């Protein structure tokens, strides 16, 4: 995905990703999701039923010629 296709607020700098990851490592977290926007997305994605998520994934990837 090209960074220019999304608003600048949707991207984190390398420094932000590293800082967030190191904070999570210090807290003993196994999974790190740096950035408020990505935490919101992962929370919302976790609320979608698996059958719907699978259907959406199939629809997104097959339209782009991916398997």
Protein backbone atom coordinates (compact mmCIF):
# COMPACT_ATOMS: atom_id res chain seq x y z
CA UNK A 1 0.00 0.00 0.00
CA UNK A 2 1.46 3.35 -0.96
CA UNK A 3 1.80 5.76 1.98
CA UNK A 4 0.58 8.58 -0.24
CA UNK A 5 -2.83 6.87 -0.62
CA UNK A 6 -3.68 7.37 3.07
CA UNK A 7 -3.79 10.48 5.25
CA UNK A 8 -0.50 11.32 6.96
CA UNK A 9 -2.11 10.74 10.38
CA UNK A 10 -2.46 7.06 9.44
CA UNK A 11 1.29 6.50 9.47
CA UNK A 12 3.80 6.32 12.30
CA UNK A 13 7.44 7.29 12.05
CA UNK A 14 10.13 4.69 12.66
CA UNK A 15 10.95 6.41 15.96
CA UNK A 16 7.32 6.18 17.11
CA UNK A 17 7.12 2.47 16.27
CA UNK A 18 10.40 1.68 18.03
CA UNK A 19 9.50 3.74 21.12
CA UNK A 20 6.08 2.11 21.41
CA UNK A 21 7.54 -1.36 20.90
CA UNK A 22 10.22 -0.82 23.54
CA UNK A 23 7.61 0.45 26.04
CA UNK A 24 5.56 -2.70 25.47
CA UNK A 25 8.68 -4.86 25.80
CA UNK A 26 9.50 -3.25 29.16
CA UNK A 27 5.96 -4.02 30.32
CA UNK A 28 6.39 -7.66 29.29
CA UNK A 29 3.77 -7.55 26.57
CA UNK A 30 4.05 -10.24 23.91
CA UNK A 31 2.03 -8.31 21.35
CA UNK A 32 2.79 -4.67 20.56
CA UNK A 33 0.43 -2.36 18.69
CA UNK A 34 1.99 1.10 18.73
CA UNK A 35 -0.17 4.10 17.89
CA UNK A 36 -3.68 4.99 19.00
CA UNK A 37 -5.04 4.65 15.47
CA UNK A 38 -3.79 1.08 15.17
CA UNK A 39 -5.04 0.15 18.63
CA UNK A 40 -8.50 1.39 17.62
CA UNK A 41 -8.36 -0.61 14.38
CA UNK A 42 -7.28 -3.83 16.09
CA UNK A 43 -9.99 -3.41 18.74
CA UNK A 44 -12.65 -2.86 16.08
CA UNK A 45 -11.36 -5.79 14.03
CA UNK A 46 -11.57 -8.03 17.09
CA UNK A 47 -15.28 -7.28 17.40
CA UNK A 48 -16.12 -8.44 13.87
CA UNK A 49 -17.40 -12.04 13.72
CA UNK A 50 -14.83 -14.40 12.17
CA UNK A 51 -17.14 -15.48 9.38
CA UNK A 52 -17.66 -11.87 8.30
CA UNK A 53 -13.93 -11.11 8.55
CA UNK A 54 -13.12 -14.17 6.40
CA UNK A 55 -15.69 -13.11 3.81
CA UNK A 56 -14.31 -9.57 3.72
CA UNK A 57 -10.74 -10.84 3.37
CA UNK A 58 -11.68 -13.14 0.51
CA UNK A 59 -13.47 -10.28 -1.23
CA UNK A 60 -10.58 -7.86 -0.80
CA UNK A 61 -7.81 -10.16 -1.88
CA UNK A 62 -9.50 -11.93 -4.78
CA UNK A 63 -10.42 -8.60 -6.39
CA UNK A 64 -6.73 -7.73 -6.48
CA UNK A 65 -5.73 -10.98 -8.12
CA UNK A 66 -4.28 -12.49 -4.97
CA UNK A 67 -4.94 -15.95 -3.64
